[in-house]
Amino acid sequence: MTKVLALAMPFFGIIFIGFLAGKLARLPRAGLAWLDFYLIYVALPALFFDILSRTPLEELMRGSFALATTTSTFLTFVIAVVVGRALTGAGMRVAALQGLIGSYANVGYMGPALTLSALGSAAAAPTALIFCFDVVLIFSLLPTMMAVFGEERRPIGATVRLILRRIITHPFILGSIAGVLGAASGVDMPEAIATTITMLRASAAPAALFSIGVTVALQPVDQPHRELPALVAVKLLVHPLMAWTMVTLVGGFPPIWVQAAVLMACLPPAATCYAAAQQYRLYVEQTASGILIGTAASVVTVTATLYLVTHGLVPVFGP
């Protein structure tokens, strides 16, 4: 248990420090913009490039793994939509945001740091695959549902172009593509560039965790809504179980890949959910509350999942 706490507490400790800073420092919310810009456009793309460029290309070609984990996220999204509508009677546009809270894990900011710390560099490939395909799924689902169920119907062609543009130009996706190309080329980078990327990679995790804490602290929290505990339960409990079920049904994956899938799925809702709610001007306060509740509850669930993973208690059927 000491090892598990040693893994979990630094992550949540930095989030808590960010939370305190957000509550105590009298700085405007706009002050977080440059840190987020650094993370989204510089540090995290460098992290994904670095881990992917060092990974054997054949490990990045496991389409069956990406299919299994992405299907688990999609099925969890559907469950969250059904739960949200059952509890609130909301329309499909609001239900789409409820589905986001219940299925879209913080795979960008928390995922790589957690899986690589707990499982080592062997978890780099599954972590990157989960992140990339979850981003593609969510960035496809949400705008499609908003367009189909919106009052002002956007033409199909315009919706498809919007989705493709957001996916192709996402900095994390671009960094991942560059990493795959680097792995395929087998060319070593000049030492100065490699050192720069290593420094950027090292800064990604603490900066991301601090940003999560500040973001949670600054989010306006509305009065409790009865659907939020249920949506958070879907995210923190159903999603990892669904991920384990799907990778087990497909089968044939190394134990670390199965463990990485479960760890990535057990993470709390991403701050991206709040950005999406703001973009569509729907369900904003509830989404902020959902992220806060999910992040707080994940202290227990992520720690418990780390214990199961590090003690070999996650059943693995495969090579």
Protein backbone atom coordinates (compact mmCIF):
# COMPACT_ATOMS: atom_id res chain seq x y z
CA MET A 1 0.00 0.00 0.00
CA THR A 2 2.92 2.33 0.68
CA LYS A 3 4.02 1.97 -2.95
CA VAL A 4 0.53 2.79 -4.18
CA LEU A 5 0.34 5.90 -2.01
CA ALA A 6 3.80 6.92 -3.20
CA LEU A 7 2.47 6.74 -6.78
CA ALA A 8 -0.90 8.40 -6.20
CA MET A 9 -0.19 11.13 -3.68
CA PRO A 10 2.24 13.21 -5.79
CA PHE A 11 -0.39 13.40 -8.54
CA PHE A 12 -3.21 14.47 -6.29
CA GLY A 13 -0.81 16.53 -4.18
CA ILE A 14 0.08 18.74 -7.15
CA ILE A 15 -3.61 18.98 -8.11
CA PHE A 16 -4.38 20.07 -4.53
CA ILE A 17 -1.58 22.66 -4.63
CA GLY A 18 -3.08 24.02 -7.84
CA PHE A 19 -6.52 24.03 -6.22
CA LEU A 20 -5.22 26.01 -3.22
CA ALA A 21 -3.42 28.44 -5.52
CA GLY A 22 -6.61 28.97 -7.49
CA LYS A 23 -8.60 29.66 -4.32
CA LEU A 24 -6.03 31.83 -2.52
CA ALA A 25 -4.26 33.77 -5.26
CA ARG A 26 -6.22 36.77 -6.46
CA LEU A 27 -5.43 36.24 -10.11
CA PRO A 28 -7.95 36.41 -12.97
CA ARG A 29 -8.97 33.24 -14.74
CA ALA A 30 -7.34 34.60 -17.89
CA GLY A 31 -3.98 34.16 -16.17
CA LEU A 32 -4.29 30.41 -16.72
CA ALA A 33 -4.42 30.83 -20.48
CA TRP A 34 -0.67 30.89 -21.07
CA LEU A 35 -0.08 27.79 -18.95
CA ASP A 36 -2.79 25.94 -20.87
CA PHE A 37 -1.31 27.17 -24.15
CA TYR A 38 2.10 25.85 -23.10
CA LEU A 39 0.59 22.49 -22.17
CA ILE A 40 -1.64 22.05 -25.21
CA TYR A 41 0.68 23.37 -27.89
CA VAL A 42 4.17 22.68 -26.50
CA ALA A 43 4.72 20.35 -23.54
CA LEU A 44 2.13 17.61 -24.11
CA PRO A 45 2.73 17.32 -27.88
CA ALA A 46 6.44 16.97 -27.03
CA LEU A 47 5.55 14.26 -24.50
CA PHE A 48 3.52 12.28 -27.02
CA PHE A 49 6.16 12.73 -29.71
CA ASP A 50 8.89 11.52 -27.37
CA ILE A 51 7.14 8.40 -26.09
CA LEU A 52 5.88 7.39 -29.54
CA SER A 53 9.14 8.02 -31.38
CA ARG A 54 10.87 5.68 -28.91
CA THR A 55 8.26 2.93 -29.27
CA PRO A 56 8.71 0.08 -31.78
CA LEU A 57 6.46 0.72 -34.76
CA GLU A 58 4.83 -2.72 -34.59
CA GLU A 59 3.46 -1.90 -31.13
CA LEU A 60 1.72 1.17 -32.54
CA MET A 61 -0.07 -0.88 -35.18
CA ARG A 62 -2.34 -2.84 -32.81
CA GLY A 63 -5.65 -1.77 -34.28
CA SER A 64 -7.55 -4.38 -32.27
CA PHE A 65 -6.48 -2.70 -29.02
CA ALA A 66 -7.56 0.74 -30.23
CA LEU A 67 -10.88 -0.75 -31.37
CA ALA A 68 -11.47 -2.39 -27.98
CA THR A 69 -10.71 0.67 -25.86
CA THR A 70 -12.52 3.11 -28.15
CA THR A 71 -15.58 0.85 -28.18
CA SER A 72 -15.51 0.81 -24.38
CA THR A 73 -15.50 4.62 -24.31
CA PHE A 74 -18.35 4.77 -26.83
CA LEU A 75 -20.48 2.26 -24.89
CA THR A 76 -19.83 4.16 -21.66
CA PHE A 77 -20.85 7.37 -23.43
CA VAL A 78 -24.14 5.73 -24.46
CA ILE A 79 -24.75 4.53 -20.89
CA ALA A 80 -24.09 8.03 -19.53
CA VAL A 81 -26.47 9.57 -22.08
CA VAL A 82 -29.20 7.11 -21.07
CA VAL A 83 -28.59 7.72 -17.34
CA GLY A 84 -28.56 11.50 -17.81
CA ARG A 85 -31.79 11.54 -19.80
CA ALA A 86 -33.49 9.15 -17.37
CA LEU A 87 -32.68 11.39 -14.40
CA THR A 88 -33.27 14.80 -15.97
CA GLY A 89 -35.43 14.30 -19.05
CA ALA A 90 -33.00 16.55 -20.90
CA GLY A 91 -32.85 16.89 -24.66
CA MET A 92 -30.18 15.17 -26.71
CA ARG A 93 -27.86 18.18 -26.82
CA VAL A 94 -27.66 18.34 -23.03
CA ALA A 95 -27.52 14.53 -22.91
CA ALA A 96 -24.45 14.65 -25.16
CA LEU A 97 -22.66 16.77 -22.56
CA GLN A 98 -23.84 14.40 -19.83
CA GLY A 99 -22.37 11.58 -21.88
CA LEU A 100 -19.10 13.50 -22.02
CA ILE A 101 -18.94 13.77 -18.22
CA GLY A 102 -19.61 10.05 -17.92
CA SER A 103 -17.11 8.82 -20.49
CA TYR A 104 -14.34 11.26 -21.46
CA ALA A 105 -11.43 10.67 -19.08
CA ASN A 106 -8.62 13.11 -18.41
CA VAL A 107 -6.40 11.10 -20.75
CA GLY A 108 -4.33 14.07 -21.89
CA TYR A 109 -3.29 15.81 -18.68
CA MET A 110 -3.33 12.91 -16.19
CA GLY A 111 -3.15 9.77 -18.34
CA PRO A 112 0.48 9.61 -19.55
CA ALA A 113 1.97 10.70 -16.24
CA LEU A 114 -0.04 8.14 -14.27
CA THR A 115 0.39 5.12 -16.55
CA LEU A 116 4.09 5.69 -17.20
CA SER A 117 4.80 6.18 -13.49
CA ALA A 118 2.82 3.10 -12.48
CA LEU A 119 3.66 0.75 -15.36
CA GLY A 120 6.87 2.09 -16.89
CA SER A 121 7.81 2.86 -20.48
CA ALA A 122 6.12 -0.34 -21.71
CA ALA A 123 2.80 1.46 -21.20
CA ALA A 124 3.71 4.22 -23.67
CA ALA A 125 2.16 2.63 -26.75
CA PRO A 126 -1.24 1.69 -25.22
CA THR A 127 -1.44 5.06 -23.49
CA ALA A 128 -0.89 6.93 -26.75
CA LEU A 129 -3.34 4.73 -28.68
CA ILE A 130 -6.07 5.24 -26.10
CA PHE A 131 -5.54 8.97 -26.05
CA CYS A 132 -5.50 9.43 -29.82
CA PHE A 133 -8.57 7.34 -30.55
CA ASP A 134 -10.58 8.70 -27.62
CA VAL A 135 -9.92 12.21 -28.91
CA VAL A 136 -11.05 11.19 -32.40
CA LEU A 137 -14.20 9.57 -30.97
CA ILE A 138 -15.22 12.48 -28.75
CA PHE A 139 -14.36 15.15 -31.30
CA SER A 140 -16.57 13.26 -33.75
CA LEU A 141 -19.50 12.39 -31.48
CA LEU A 142 -20.09 15.74 -29.82
CA PRO A 143 -20.24 18.05 -32.86
CA THR A 144 -22.29 15.46 -34.74
CA MET A 145 -24.91 15.25 -31.98
CA MET A 146 -24.98 19.03 -31.58
CA ALA A 147 -25.51 19.44 -35.32
CA VAL A 148 -28.13 16.70 -35.70
CA PHE A 149 -30.21 17.74 -32.68
CA GLY A 150 -29.65 21.49 -32.89
CA GLU A 151 -32.34 24.00 -33.79
CA GLU A 152 -30.21 25.35 -36.61
CA ARG A 153 -29.23 22.29 -38.60
CA ARG A 154 -25.70 22.55 -39.95
CA PRO A 155 -25.22 20.96 -43.39
CA ILE A 156 -23.66 17.49 -43.25
CA GLY A 157 -20.69 18.58 -45.34
CA ALA A 158 -19.93 21.50 -43.04
CA THR A 159 -20.18 19.24 -39.98
CA VAL A 160 -17.80 16.68 -41.48
CA ARG A 161 -15.30 19.40 -42.39
CA LEU A 162 -15.50 20.83 -38.88
CA ILE A 163 -14.89 17.42 -37.29
CA LEU A 164 -11.96 16.60 -39.57
CA ARG A 165 -10.38 20.01 -39.02
CA ARG A 166 -10.61 19.71 -35.23
CA ILE A 167 -9.13 16.22 -35.27
CA ILE A 168 -6.34 16.81 -37.77
CA THR A 169 -5.23 20.13 -36.28
CA HIS A 170 -5.35 19.05 -32.62
CA PRO A 171 -1.83 19.61 -31.22
CA PHE A 172 -1.84 16.26 -29.39
CA ILE A 173 -2.76 14.44 -32.58
CA LEU A 174 -0.07 16.30 -34.54
CA GLY A 175 2.52 15.43 -31.89
CA SER A 176 1.43 11.80 -31.99
CA ILE A 177 1.61 11.65 -35.80
CA ALA A 178 5.11 13.15 -35.68
CA GLY A 179 6.07 10.54 -33.08
CA VAL A 180 4.83 7.68 -35.25
CA LEU A 181 6.77 9.08 -38.21
CA GLY A 182 9.83 9.32 -36.00
CA ALA A 183 9.44 5.71 -34.91
CA ALA A 184 9.04 4.64 -38.55
CA SER A 185 12.11 6.54 -39.72
CA GLY A 186 14.44 5.21 -37.03
CA VAL A 187 16.52 8.39 -37.35
CA ASP A 188 18.15 9.72 -34.19
CA MET A 189 17.59 13.40 -33.47
CA PRO A 190 20.49 15.79 -32.86
CA GLU A 191 21.42 15.86 -29.18
CA ALA A 192 20.37 19.48 -28.67
CA ILE A 193 16.86 18.83 -30.03
CA ALA A 194 16.53 15.58 -28.09
CA THR A 195 17.52 17.35 -24.86
CA THR A 196 15.00 20.13 -25.49
CA ILE A 197 12.20 17.61 -26.05
CA THR A 198 13.22 15.71 -22.90
CA MET A 199 13.01 18.94 -20.87
CA LEU A 200 9.60 19.77 -22.32
CA ARG A 201 8.38 16.24 -21.61
CA ALA A 202 9.55 16.46 -18.00
CA SER A 203 7.59 19.67 -17.48
CA ALA A 204 4.33 18.32 -18.88
CA ALA A 205 3.06 16.28 -15.92
CA PRO A 206 3.53 18.78 -13.06
CA ALA A 207 2.28 21.68 -15.17
CA ALA A 208 -0.78 19.70 -16.30
CA LEU A 209 -1.66 18.56 -12.79
CA PHE A 210 -1.25 22.08 -11.41
CA SER A 211 -3.49 23.39 -14.20
CA ILE A 212 -6.17 20.82 -13.34
CA GLY A 213 -6.17 22.02 -9.73
CA VAL A 214 -6.44 25.69 -10.67
CA THR A 215 -9.14 24.95 -13.26
CA VAL A 216 -11.25 23.05 -10.71
CA ALA A 217 -10.78 25.85 -8.17
CA LEU A 218 -11.89 28.56 -10.59
CA GLN A 219 -14.89 26.76 -12.04
CA PRO A 220 -18.21 28.17 -10.85
CA VAL A 221 -20.04 25.47 -8.93
CA ASP A 222 -23.82 25.44 -9.04
CA GLN A 223 -26.07 23.82 -6.46
CA PRO A 224 -25.97 20.00 -6.49
CA HIS A 225 -27.82 18.19 -9.26
CA ARG A 226 -29.06 14.68 -8.65
CA GLU A 227 -27.73 13.29 -11.93
CA LEU A 228 -24.10 14.26 -11.31
CA PRO A 229 -23.22 11.55 -8.76
CA ALA A 230 -24.68 8.96 -11.14
CA LEU A 231 -22.71 10.33 -14.11
CA VAL A 232 -19.51 10.42 -12.07
CA ALA A 233 -20.15 6.83 -10.96
CA VAL A 234 -20.48 5.82 -14.62
CA LYS A 235 -17.17 7.54 -15.35
CA LEU A 236 -15.14 6.24 -12.41
CA LEU A 237 -16.65 2.76 -12.02
CA VAL A 238 -18.42 1.66 -15.20
CA HIS A 239 -15.84 2.97 -17.67
CA PRO A 240 -12.83 1.04 -16.27
CA LEU A 241 -14.96 -2.10 -15.99
CA MET A 242 -16.10 -1.63 -19.59
CA ALA A 243 -12.50 -1.10 -20.74
CA TRP A 244 -11.38 -4.29 -19.00
CA THR A 245 -14.31 -6.21 -20.47
CA MET A 246 -13.62 -5.10 -24.04
CA VAL A 247 -9.86 -5.73 -24.02
CA THR A 248 -10.51 -9.10 -22.39
CA LEU A 249 -13.11 -10.07 -24.99
CA VAL A 250 -10.78 -9.12 -27.84
CA GLY A 251 -7.87 -10.76 -26.02
CA GLY A 252 -4.25 -11.36 -26.83
CA PHE A 253 -2.81 -8.24 -25.21
CA PRO A 254 0.16 -8.10 -22.81
CA PRO A 255 -0.79 -7.58 -19.14
CA ILE A 256 0.60 -4.04 -19.11
CA TRP A 257 -1.67 -3.08 -22.01
CA VAL A 258 -4.72 -4.35 -20.14
CA GLN A 259 -3.61 -2.52 -16.99
CA ALA A 260 -3.01 0.69 -18.95
CA ALA A 261 -6.52 0.47 -20.43
CA VAL A 262 -8.06 0.15 -16.97
CA LEU A 263 -5.94 2.97 -15.51
CA MET A 264 -6.74 5.36 -18.35
CA ALA A 265 -10.46 4.59 -18.05
CA CYS A 266 -10.58 5.17 -14.29
CA LEU A 267 -9.49 8.82 -14.58
CA PRO A 268 -11.96 11.62 -13.76
CA PRO A 269 -13.79 13.71 -16.38
CA ALA A 270 -11.49 15.92 -18.46
CA ALA A 271 -11.52 19.70 -18.21
CA THR A 272 -12.32 19.59 -21.93
CA CYS A 273 -15.90 18.77 -20.91
CA TYR A 274 -16.22 22.23 -19.38
CA ALA A 275 -14.73 23.88 -22.46
CA ALA A 276 -17.28 22.04 -24.61
CA ALA A 277 -20.17 23.13 -22.39
CA GLN A 278 -18.99 26.74 -22.63
CA GLN A 279 -18.64 26.47 -26.39
CA TYR A 280 -22.24 25.31 -26.83
CA ARG A 281 -23.55 27.43 -23.92
CA LEU A 282 -25.32 24.43 -22.44
CA TYR A 283 -25.11 22.63 -19.10
CA VAL A 284 -22.14 24.81 -18.07
CA GLU A 285 -22.57 24.99 -14.28
CA GLN A 286 -23.51 21.32 -14.03
CA THR A 287 -20.46 20.30 -16.07
CA ALA A 288 -18.19 22.34 -13.78
CA SER A 289 -19.74 20.63 -10.75
CA GLY A 290 -19.34 17.22 -12.40
CA ILE A 291 -15.63 17.77 -12.99
CA LEU A 292 -15.15 18.93 -9.39
CA ILE A 293 -17.05 15.95 -7.95
CA GLY A 294 -15.28 13.53 -10.29
CA THR A 295 -11.81 14.85 -9.50
CA ALA A 296 -12.47 14.70 -5.75
CA ALA A 297 -13.93 11.18 -5.91
CA SER A 298 -11.08 9.96 -8.11
CA VAL A 299 -8.67 10.35 -5.21
CA VAL A 300 -10.28 7.18 -3.85
CA THR A 301 -11.06 5.34 -7.08
CA VAL A 302 -7.74 6.00 -8.84
CA THR A 303 -5.81 4.99 -5.72
CA ALA A 304 -7.88 1.81 -5.47
CA THR A 305 -7.31 1.03 -9.15
CA LEU A 306 -3.56 1.61 -8.73
CA TYR A 307 -3.62 -0.89 -5.87
CA LEU A 308 -5.38 -3.50 -8.01
CA VAL A 309 -3.00 -2.94 -10.93
CA THR A 310 0.25 -2.92 -8.97
CA HIS A 311 -0.73 -6.00 -6.95
CA GLY A 312 -1.71 -8.09 -9.96
CA LEU A 313 -5.39 -8.12 -9.02
CA VAL A 314 -6.66 -7.10 -12.47
CA PRO A 315 -7.39 -10.40 -14.26
CA VAL A 316 -5.47 -10.72 -17.52
CA PHE A 317 -6.14 -13.40 -20.11
CA GLY A 318 -3.53 -13.34 -22.82
CA PRO A 319 0.09 -13.97 -23.72
